């Protein structure tokens, strides 16, 4: 009898615990639903990315006073170099903003090695009677949706005269990080991650911690193990399905369209820019010197014939390989075709290799096509950076003259982009005709100056940031 009563008591206690847990879950679900309905605890668009270094912290400018008493607005984000503009824009002012990620920011060199800096110089020369305020809001690692937050904020608050947008190299960063984290998660981290995405968690977190602080350049939300993670490990642990890539391309086009809309709503000219990449860039290492021997070991035939045989073998491998394995064979076939003087075939293969690269480290050709599509639909101005650089590149193949790595410009590359941007703004009626100034003359002057450099100029307005060896201008490392 005692055993029966004991079992009955245990069953009652268990039922009470299960009932309490179920009631608590239902209560939390109801609270979560109510918060979502009321919009409380919703993710802030500026901090929507789960990567801290992709988050935006507004306001991006704050008021200050110069020693001469002028009231100004200057940048507050430590990821941006110090820049300022007058708080009250004068009638003669020409206020130009550039937006994007690290390629716009000029990663790898000084702020002088940006297309914004050269565009500023050209505007000052062409219109000496106007006060040119060039503000470069390029921030390392930003994807288009974070850039959109900045564009909308500037359009609302800072009276831009022209907006230029070069964004598209970082669209896969967040999903790569999420997939990598998910593939290495344990049950506890999965539960914690799910909780962190609820409105309840975000609301409580904001009440306890307050507003988020702007990160410094030194802050990272990565462990030392993450920082040492190789690209090979990333590709081994994650896989991007074609439909996921297509979804990101679709979101990218919608975001670019949203930026164009924000500018048009305040009747500010917007210049959309296609995002170019280094087609010759294979990865951290170039092809090994003996790559041809591995494919065609026979050395007693003419070299041209060996490359021809290599192309035949590579074509067979490309046709029989899965899509995510073709990029390596396509790159090798491009090299062989270029050596044989078949430049159109080389261009096609270099670009195909870039577009099929499973690392997704560069802006795809599909992104450029979507920018062109938005510009055409919206009637906005377009700087086709891909076509501009290709037209001027050796054999029309964008490479290490234009980019020192995969997406970041050389000093020559930024001059080419700025020159084309000036031409588009002039031809599109954004800028008035300027007697005595030719952007092509400016470009040739800068190219000649760069060619004569033996070490980095010490003048603050000319310092490039490559050190004392001029080879550093195009050093991929």
Protein backbone atom coordinates (compact mmCIF):
# COMPACT_ATOMS: atom_id res chain seq x y z
CA UNK A 1 0.00 0.00 0.00
CA UNK A 2 2.85 2.36 0.89
CA UNK A 3 4.55 1.60 -2.45
CA UNK A 4 1.35 2.45 -4.33
CA UNK A 5 1.05 5.76 -2.48
CA UNK A 6 4.73 6.52 -3.21
CA UNK A 7 4.30 5.80 -6.93
CA UNK A 8 1.15 7.91 -6.99
CA UNK A 9 2.98 10.79 -5.30
CA UNK A 10 5.86 10.60 -7.80
CA UNK A 11 3.44 10.60 -10.70
CA UNK A 12 1.64 13.61 -9.27
CA UNK A 13 4.91 15.50 -8.77
CA UNK A 14 6.03 14.63 -12.30
CA UNK A 15 2.72 15.79 -13.71
CA UNK A 16 3.08 19.04 -11.73
CA UNK A 17 6.59 19.63 -13.11
CA UNK A 18 5.52 18.87 -16.69
CA UNK A 19 2.46 21.04 -16.32
CA UNK A 20 4.53 23.91 -14.90
CA UNK A 21 7.03 23.66 -17.75
CA UNK A 22 4.25 23.54 -20.31
CA UNK A 23 2.50 26.52 -18.72
CA UNK A 24 5.77 28.47 -18.66
CA UNK A 25 6.42 27.64 -22.32
CA UNK A 26 2.91 28.76 -23.29
CA UNK A 27 3.32 31.95 -21.26
CA UNK A 28 6.65 32.75 -22.93
CA UNK A 29 5.17 31.99 -26.35
CA UNK A 30 2.26 34.33 -25.64
CA UNK A 31 4.67 37.03 -24.43
CA UNK A 32 6.86 36.58 -27.51
CA UNK A 33 3.79 36.86 -29.74
CA UNK A 34 2.64 40.02 -27.95
CA UNK A 35 6.07 41.63 -28.25
CA UNK A 36 6.20 40.83 -31.95
CA UNK A 37 2.70 42.27 -32.44
CA UNK A 38 3.69 45.46 -30.60
CA UNK A 39 7.08 45.66 -32.32
CA UNK A 40 8.98 45.58 -29.02
CA UNK A 41 12.33 43.81 -29.06
CA UNK A 42 12.44 43.72 -32.84
CA UNK A 43 15.94 43.66 -34.33
CA UNK A 44 17.24 47.11 -35.16
CA UNK A 45 18.01 47.25 -38.88
CA UNK A 46 21.32 48.95 -38.11
CA UNK A 47 22.34 46.04 -35.86
CA UNK A 48 20.53 43.30 -37.79
CA UNK A 49 23.72 41.48 -38.72
CA UNK A 50 24.89 38.95 -36.16
CA UNK A 51 28.48 39.92 -36.97
CA UNK A 52 29.38 42.80 -34.68
CA UNK A 53 31.81 44.31 -37.15
CA UNK A 54 28.96 44.64 -39.67
CA UNK A 55 26.73 46.62 -37.35
CA UNK A 56 26.00 50.33 -37.77
CA UNK A 57 25.80 52.77 -34.85
CA UNK A 58 23.90 55.98 -35.48
CA UNK A 59 24.33 58.89 -35.50
CA UNK A 60 27.37 58.58 -37.72
CA UNK A 61 28.23 62.29 -37.16
CA UNK A 62 28.29 64.53 -34.11
CA UNK A 63 28.50 68.30 -33.69
CA UNK A 64 31.75 70.01 -32.79
CA UNK A 65 33.41 73.41 -33.01
CA UNK A 66 36.68 74.13 -34.78
CA UNK A 67 39.27 76.39 -33.15
CA UNK A 68 38.17 79.19 -35.50
CA UNK A 69 34.60 78.92 -34.18
CA UNK A 70 33.09 77.14 -37.17
CA UNK A 71 30.40 74.64 -36.30
CA UNK A 72 30.97 71.29 -37.95
CA UNK A 73 29.80 67.71 -38.04
CA UNK A 74 32.49 65.05 -37.80
CA UNK A 75 32.53 61.26 -37.99
CA UNK A 76 32.04 59.34 -34.76
CA UNK A 77 32.65 55.73 -35.81
CA UNK A 78 36.21 54.66 -35.00
CA UNK A 79 36.18 52.43 -38.07
CA UNK A 80 36.11 55.57 -40.21
CA UNK A 81 38.99 58.03 -40.63
CA UNK A 82 38.26 61.46 -39.19
CA UNK A 83 36.19 63.52 -41.64
CA UNK A 84 34.14 66.64 -41.21
CA UNK A 85 31.74 68.99 -42.98
CA UNK A 86 30.19 72.33 -42.08
CA UNK A 87 27.07 72.04 -39.97
CA UNK A 88 25.35 74.57 -42.20
CA UNK A 89 26.09 73.82 -45.84
CA UNK A 90 26.94 77.01 -47.74
CA UNK A 91 25.17 77.93 -50.95
CA UNK A 92 28.36 77.25 -52.89
CA UNK A 93 28.85 73.88 -51.26
CA UNK A 94 29.21 70.61 -53.16
CA UNK A 95 28.67 67.77 -50.68
CA UNK A 96 29.48 64.32 -52.03
CA UNK A 97 29.18 61.02 -50.15
CA UNK A 98 30.67 57.67 -51.10
CA UNK A 99 29.46 54.42 -49.54
CA UNK A 100 30.58 50.81 -49.46
CA UNK A 101 32.89 48.33 -47.77
CA UNK A 102 36.65 47.98 -47.59
CA UNK A 103 37.23 48.65 -51.29
CA UNK A 104 35.55 52.04 -50.88
CA UNK A 105 37.40 52.64 -47.60
CA UNK A 106 40.74 51.90 -49.29
CA UNK A 107 41.84 48.95 -47.17
CA UNK A 108 45.57 48.29 -47.43
CA UNK A 109 46.65 51.87 -48.09
CA UNK A 110 46.15 55.35 -46.68
CA UNK A 111 42.88 57.29 -47.20
CA UNK A 112 44.62 58.96 -50.17
CA UNK A 113 44.33 55.68 -52.07
CA UNK A 114 40.56 55.78 -52.52
CA UNK A 115 38.46 56.77 -55.48
CA UNK A 116 36.77 59.28 -53.14
CA UNK A 117 40.06 61.11 -52.55
CA UNK A 118 40.83 61.39 -56.26
CA UNK A 119 37.30 62.45 -57.06
CA UNK A 120 37.66 65.16 -54.41
CA UNK A 121 40.87 66.41 -56.04
CA UNK A 122 39.25 66.53 -59.45
CA UNK A 123 36.22 68.41 -58.15
CA UNK A 124 38.42 70.96 -56.40
CA UNK A 125 40.41 71.56 -59.58
CA UNK A 126 37.37 71.68 -61.83
CA UNK A 127 35.30 73.95 -59.56
CA UNK A 128 37.68 76.13 -57.52
CA UNK A 129 34.86 78.51 -56.55
CA UNK A 130 32.88 75.80 -54.78
CA UNK A 131 33.49 74.34 -51.32
CA UNK A 132 33.89 70.61 -51.97
CA UNK A 133 32.99 68.37 -49.02
CA UNK A 134 33.85 64.78 -49.85
CA UNK A 135 32.80 62.30 -47.18
CA UNK A 136 33.88 58.67 -47.58
CA UNK A 137 31.64 56.39 -45.51
CA UNK A 138 33.23 53.16 -46.66
CA UNK A 139 33.53 50.76 -43.69
CA UNK A 140 35.43 47.48 -43.79
CA UNK A 141 33.25 44.33 -44.10
CA UNK A 142 29.89 46.09 -44.61
CA UNK A 143 27.37 44.31 -46.80
CA UNK A 144 24.84 46.20 -48.90
CA UNK A 145 22.08 46.10 -46.29
CA UNK A 146 24.29 47.91 -43.75
CA UNK A 147 25.34 50.39 -46.43
CA UNK A 148 21.64 51.05 -47.03
CA UNK A 149 21.23 52.10 -43.38
CA UNK A 150 23.98 54.69 -43.85
CA UNK A 151 22.60 55.94 -47.17
CA UNK A 152 19.12 56.42 -45.71
CA UNK A 153 20.53 58.23 -42.67
CA UNK A 154 22.60 60.60 -44.83
CA UNK A 155 19.64 61.30 -47.10
CA UNK A 156 17.47 62.14 -44.09
CA UNK A 157 19.91 64.31 -42.19
CA UNK A 158 22.94 65.62 -44.08
CA UNK A 159 21.81 67.24 -47.36
CA UNK A 160 23.95 65.34 -49.89
CA UNK A 161 24.39 66.80 -53.38
CA UNK A 162 25.61 63.53 -54.86
CA UNK A 163 25.72 59.94 -53.56
CA UNK A 164 28.02 57.24 -54.98
CA UNK A 165 27.52 53.60 -53.97
CA UNK A 166 30.15 50.85 -54.48
CA UNK A 167 29.01 47.85 -52.47
CA UNK A 168 28.88 44.11 -53.11
CA UNK A 169 31.99 42.26 -51.91
CA UNK A 170 30.64 41.24 -48.49
CA UNK A 171 27.22 39.79 -49.23
CA UNK A 172 28.15 36.26 -48.13
CA UNK A 173 30.05 37.07 -44.93
CA UNK A 174 27.15 36.71 -42.52
CA UNK A 175 25.69 33.52 -43.96
CA UNK A 176 29.17 31.95 -44.07
CA UNK A 177 29.66 32.78 -40.39
CA UNK A 178 26.21 31.47 -39.46
CA UNK A 179 26.72 28.22 -41.33
CA UNK A 180 30.15 27.73 -39.84
CA UNK A 181 28.80 28.35 -36.33
CA UNK A 182 25.87 25.99 -36.92
CA UNK A 183 28.13 23.21 -38.20
CA UNK A 184 30.27 23.43 -35.05
CA UNK A 185 27.50 24.04 -32.51
CA UNK A 186 26.65 21.82 -29.55
CA UNK A 187 23.10 21.41 -28.14
CA UNK A 188 23.58 24.11 -25.50
CA UNK A 189 24.94 26.67 -27.98
CA UNK A 190 22.07 25.89 -30.34
CA UNK A 191 19.50 26.59 -27.62
CA UNK A 192 21.34 29.75 -26.58
CA UNK A 193 21.46 30.92 -30.17
CA UNK A 194 17.74 30.34 -30.64
CA UNK A 195 16.96 32.28 -27.47
CA UNK A 196 19.13 35.19 -28.62
CA UNK A 197 16.92 35.58 -31.69
CA UNK A 198 13.72 36.13 -29.68
CA UNK A 199 12.09 39.50 -29.03
CA UNK A 200 12.05 38.69 -25.31
CA UNK A 201 15.81 38.25 -25.16
CA UNK A 202 16.52 41.39 -27.20
CA UNK A 203 14.16 43.52 -25.09
CA UNK A 204 15.61 42.32 -21.79
CA UNK A 205 19.16 42.69 -23.13
CA UNK A 206 18.53 46.32 -24.12
CA UNK A 207 16.93 47.11 -20.76
CA UNK A 208 19.87 45.60 -18.86
CA UNK A 209 22.80 46.66 -21.04
CA UNK A 210 21.45 49.82 -22.60
CA UNK A 211 22.28 51.00 -26.12
CA UNK A 212 25.10 49.14 -27.88
CA UNK A 213 28.49 50.79 -28.02
CA UNK A 214 30.30 51.51 -31.26
CA UNK A 215 33.08 48.94 -31.63
CA UNK A 216 36.68 50.04 -31.89
CA UNK A 217 38.96 48.84 -34.64
CA UNK A 218 40.60 46.47 -32.14
CA UNK A 219 37.37 44.76 -31.11
CA UNK A 220 36.60 41.36 -32.59
CA UNK A 221 33.75 39.00 -31.86
CA UNK A 222 35.85 36.07 -32.98
CA UNK A 223 37.86 33.65 -30.90
CA UNK A 224 41.53 33.09 -31.60
CA UNK A 225 40.58 29.75 -33.14
CA UNK A 226 38.14 31.52 -35.47
CA UNK A 227 40.82 33.98 -36.50
CA UNK A 228 43.11 31.11 -37.45
CA UNK A 229 40.36 29.37 -39.40
CA UNK A 230 41.50 28.69 -42.95
CA UNK A 231 39.45 29.03 -46.09
CA UNK A 232 39.82 25.29 -46.57
CA UNK A 233 38.15 24.66 -43.20
CA UNK A 234 35.37 27.08 -44.08
CA UNK A 235 34.62 25.31 -47.34
CA UNK A 236 34.86 21.90 -45.67
CA UNK A 237 32.37 22.82 -42.98
CA UNK A 238 29.80 24.77 -44.99
CA UNK A 239 28.02 24.45 -48.28
CA UNK A 240 26.11 27.12 -50.15
CA UNK A 241 23.26 25.71 -52.18
CA UNK A 242 22.44 27.39 -55.53
CA UNK A 243 19.06 28.53 -54.22
CA UNK A 244 20.76 30.19 -51.23
CA UNK A 245 23.14 32.05 -53.51
CA UNK A 246 20.25 33.13 -55.72
CA UNK A 247 18.33 34.38 -52.66
CA UNK A 248 21.29 36.55 -51.66
CA UNK A 249 21.57 37.92 -55.21
CA UNK A 250 17.86 38.78 -55.12
CA UNK A 251 18.22 40.49 -51.73
CA UNK A 252 21.24 42.41 -53.04
CA UNK A 253 19.25 43.82 -55.96
CA UNK A 254 16.39 44.80 -53.66
CA UNK A 255 18.82 46.54 -51.32
CA UNK A 256 20.53 48.46 -54.12
CA UNK A 257 17.10 49.49 -55.36
CA UNK A 258 16.22 50.68 -51.85
CA UNK A 259 19.31 52.88 -51.74
CA UNK A 260 18.47 54.39 -55.11
CA UNK A 261 14.92 55.04 -53.91
CA UNK A 262 16.14 56.80 -50.74
CA UNK A 263 18.20 59.21 -52.84
CA UNK A 264 15.47 59.83 -55.39
CA UNK A 265 12.96 60.62 -52.66
CA UNK A 266 15.00 63.69 -51.71
CA UNK A 267 15.83 64.41 -55.36
CA UNK A 268 19.54 63.77 -54.87
CA UNK A 269 21.49 62.32 -57.81
CA UNK A 270 22.73 58.82 -57.06
CA UNK A 271 25.55 57.10 -58.92
CA UNK A 272 25.38 53.31 -58.74
CA UNK A 273 28.62 51.45 -59.37
CA UNK A 274 29.17 47.86 -60.42
CA UNK A 275 31.68 46.10 -58.18
CA UNK A 276 34.75 44.68 -59.90
CA UNK A 277 37.15 41.96 -58.78
CA UNK A 278 40.60 40.67 -59.70
CA UNK A 279 39.95 37.94 -62.27
CA UNK A 280 43.60 36.82 -62.14
CA UNK A 281 43.47 36.16 -58.39
CA UNK A 282 43.42 32.43 -57.65
CA UNK A 283 43.64 32.55 -53.88
CA UNK A 284 46.34 32.90 -51.28
CA UNK A 285 48.80 31.23 -53.60
CA UNK A 286 49.42 31.39 -57.34
CA UNK A 287 49.50 28.29 -59.46
CA UNK A 288 52.52 26.11 -58.66
CA UNK A 289 55.28 26.40 -61.24
CA UNK A 290 54.93 22.76 -62.24
CA UNK A 291 51.16 22.80 -62.78
CA UNK A 292 51.57 22.17 -66.51
CA UNK A 293 53.89 19.21 -65.88
CA UNK A 294 51.26 17.63 -63.65
CA UNK A 295 48.74 17.78 -66.50
CA UNK A 296 50.99 17.12 -69.49
CA UNK A 297 54.17 15.38 -68.30
CA UNK A 298 55.49 14.86 -71.86
CA UNK A 299 58.19 17.48 -72.46
CA UNK A 300 59.46 16.45 -75.90
CA UNK A 301 56.77 18.40 -77.78
CA UNK A 302 56.55 22.17 -78.40
CA UNK A 303 55.37 24.20 -75.40
CA UNK A 304 52.39 25.59 -77.30
CA UNK A 305 51.24 22.05 -78.06
CA UNK A 306 51.54 21.12 -74.38
CA UNK A 307 49.27 24.03 -73.45
CA UNK A 308 46.87 22.93 -76.18
CA UNK A 309 46.78 19.42 -74.72
CA UNK A 310 46.29 20.92 -71.25
CA UNK A 311 43.25 22.82 -72.49
CA UNK A 312 41.76 19.59 -73.87
CA UNK A 313 42.31 17.76 -70.58
CA UNK A 314 40.98 20.68 -68.53
CA UNK A 315 37.86 20.89 -70.69
CA UNK A 316 37.15 17.22 -69.98
CA UNK A 317 37.58 17.77 -66.24
CA UNK A 318 35.37 20.85 -66.27
CA UNK A 319 32.58 18.98 -68.05
CA UNK A 320 32.77 16.02 -65.66
CA UNK A 321 33.18 17.96 -62.38
CA UNK A 322 30.50 19.28 -60.00
CA UNK A 323 29.91 23.02 -60.23
CA UNK A 324 31.82 23.82 -57.03
CA UNK A 325 34.93 22.01 -58.28
CA UNK A 326 35.13 23.57 -61.72
CA UNK A 327 36.67 26.90 -60.71
CA UNK A 328 40.18 25.48 -60.29
CA UNK A 329 40.15 23.82 -63.73
CA UNK A 330 38.62 26.93 -65.32
CA UNK A 331 41.37 29.09 -63.85
CA UNK A 332 44.08 26.83 -65.27
CA UNK A 333 42.37 26.76 -68.65
CA UNK A 334 42.24 30.57 -68.59
CA UNK A 335 45.99 30.76 -67.94
CA UNK A 336 46.70 28.35 -70.79
CA UNK A 337 44.41 30.22 -73.18
CA UNK A 338 46.01 33.56 -72.33
CA UNK A 339 49.51 32.14 -72.96
CA UNK A 340 48.31 30.93 -76.36
CA UNK A 341 46.92 34.38 -77.16
CA UNK A 342 43.27 33.31 -77.00
CA UNK A 343 42.27 36.28 -74.93
CA UNK A 344 38.49 36.11 -75.25
CA UNK A 345 38.53 32.48 -74.12
CA UNK A 346 40.85 33.44 -71.26
CA UNK A 347 38.54 36.26 -70.15
CA UNK A 348 35.52 33.97 -70.18
CA UNK A 349 37.30 31.32 -68.09
CA UNK A 350 38.76 33.77 -65.58
CA UNK A 351 35.28 35.15 -64.96
CA UNK A 352 33.70 31.71 -64.82
CA UNK A 353 36.31 30.64 -62.27
CA UNK A 354 35.48 33.68 -60.14
CA UNK A 355 31.73 33.06 -60.35
CA UNK A 356 32.07 29.35 -59.52
CA UNK A 357 34.56 29.83 -56.68
CA UNK A 358 32.83 28.18 -53.66
CA UNK A 359 34.64 30.58 -51.32
CA UNK A 360 32.40 33.41 -52.67
CA UNK A 361 35.05 35.97 -51.78
CA UNK A 362 34.37 38.37 -54.63
CA UNK A 363 31.34 40.15 -56.06
CA UNK A 364 29.80 37.89 -58.67
CA UNK A 365 29.08 38.99 -62.22
CA UNK A 366 25.41 38.49 -61.29
CA UNK A 367 25.75 41.34 -58.79
CA UNK A 368 27.04 43.70 -61.49
CA UNK A 369 24.13 42.72 -63.71
CA UNK A 370 21.66 43.50 -60.92
CA UNK A 371 23.22 46.95 -60.39
CA UNK A 372 22.88 47.64 -64.10
CA UNK A 373 19.27 46.48 -63.93
CA UNK A 374 18.44 48.81 -61.03
CA UNK A 375 20.17 51.75 -62.72
CA UNK A 376 18.21 51.11 -65.90
CA UNK A 377 14.85 50.71 -64.12
CA UNK A 378 15.35 53.70 -61.84
CA UNK A 379 16.96 55.93 -64.45
CA UNK A 380 19.95 56.54 -62.21
CA UNK A 381 23.54 57.21 -63.25
CA UNK A 382 25.83 54.19 -63.60
CA UNK A 383 29.58 53.81 -63.32
CA UNK A 384 30.25 50.38 -64.80
CA UNK A 385 33.52 49.73 -62.97
CA UNK A 386 33.75 46.18 -64.34
CA UNK A 387 33.64 47.34 -67.95
CA UNK A 388 35.81 50.40 -67.27
CA UNK A 389 38.67 48.42 -65.73
CA UNK A 390 38.37 45.62 -68.26
CA UNK A 391 38.61 48.05 -71.18
CA UNK A 392 41.88 49.47 -69.81
CA UNK A 393 43.43 46.23 -68.52
CA UNK A 394 46.06 44.13 -70.27
CA UNK A 395 44.22 41.87 -72.74
CA UNK A 396 41.04 43.30 -71.15
CA UNK A 397 41.59 40.96 -68.18
CA UNK A 398 41.25 42.71 -64.81
CA UNK A 399 44.23 41.78 -62.67
CA UNK A 400 47.00 42.94 -60.37
CA UNK A 401 47.44 46.32 -62.04
CA UNK A 402 43.98 47.26 -60.79
CA UNK A 403 43.81 45.23 -57.54
CA UNK A 404 46.64 44.26 -55.22
CA UNK A 405 44.63 41.28 -53.94
CA UNK A 406 41.18 40.03 -54.86
CA UNK A 407 38.98 43.13 -54.37
CA UNK A 408 41.10 45.99 -53.00
CA UNK A 409 42.35 48.64 -55.39
CA UNK A 410 45.92 49.59 -56.21
CA UNK A 411 46.77 53.31 -56.42
CA UNK A 412 46.30 52.99 -60.18
CA UNK A 413 42.92 51.31 -59.82
CA UNK A 414 41.36 54.07 -57.72
CA UNK A 415 42.44 56.72 -60.24
CA UNK A 416 40.74 54.78 -63.03
CA UNK A 417 37.52 54.45 -61.04
CA UNK A 418 37.49 58.11 -59.95
CA UNK A 419 38.12 59.31 -63.49
CA UNK A 420 35.19 57.31 -64.85
CA UNK A 421 32.97 58.53 -61.98
CA UNK A 422 33.81 62.14 -62.86
CA UNK A 423 33.02 61.50 -66.55
CA UNK A 424 29.65 59.95 -65.68
CA UNK A 425 28.73 62.81 -63.34
CA UNK A 426 29.74 65.35 -65.98
CA UNK A 427 28.00 63.57 -68.87
CA UNK A 428 24.87 62.95 -66.80
CA UNK A 429 24.43 66.62 -65.94
CA UNK A 430 25.21 66.23 -62.23
CA UNK A 431 28.24 68.46 -62.72
CA UNK A 432 28.40 71.54 -64.97
CA UNK A 433 30.95 71.84 -67.74
CA UNK A 434 34.33 73.01 -66.48
CA UNK A 435 36.58 74.92 -68.84
CA UNK A 436 40.22 73.99 -68.60
CA UNK A 437 39.84 70.71 -66.70
CA UNK A 438 40.09 67.28 -68.31
CA UNK A 439 39.77 64.19 -66.07
CA UNK A 440 41.91 62.18 -68.50
CA UNK A 441 44.75 64.68 -68.06
CA UNK A 442 44.43 64.25 -64.30
CA UNK A 443 44.61 60.47 -64.64
CA UNK A 444 47.71 60.55 -66.82
CA UNK A 445 49.36 62.97 -64.41
CA UNK A 446 48.74 60.62 -61.48
CA UNK A 447 49.91 57.55 -63.39
CA UNK A 448 53.16 59.30 -64.32
CA UNK A 449 53.67 60.44 -60.72
CA UNK A 450 53.10 56.92 -59.38
CA UNK A 451 55.51 55.43 -61.92
CA UNK A 452 58.31 57.69 -60.68
CA UNK A 453 57.91 56.82 -57.00
CA UNK A 454 60.78 55.03 -55.30
CA UNK A 455 59.47 55.40 -51.77
CA UNK A 456 56.33 56.62 -50.06
CA UNK A 457 55.90 60.43 -50.00
CA UNK A 458 55.86 61.89 -46.52
CA UNK A 459 53.45 64.69 -47.42
CA UNK A 460 50.16 63.98 -45.62
CA UNK A 461 48.19 64.74 -48.77
CA UNK A 462 50.24 62.35 -50.92
CA UNK A 463 51.25 59.55 -48.54
CA UNK A 464 50.05 56.24 -49.93
CA UNK A 465 51.00 53.86 -47.14
CA UNK A 466 53.17 51.32 -48.94
CA UNK A 467 56.45 51.99 -47.12
CA UNK A 468 59.89 52.39 -48.61
CA UNK A 469 59.72 49.86 -51.44
CA UNK A 470 57.69 50.91 -54.47
CA UNK A 471 56.98 47.23 -55.17
CA UNK A 472 54.56 47.46 -52.26
CA UNK A 473 52.13 49.39 -54.48
CA UNK A 474 51.09 46.15 -56.18
CA UNK A 475 52.28 43.60 -53.61
CA UNK A 476 49.44 41.12 -53.12
CA UNK A 477 50.69 40.31 -49.61
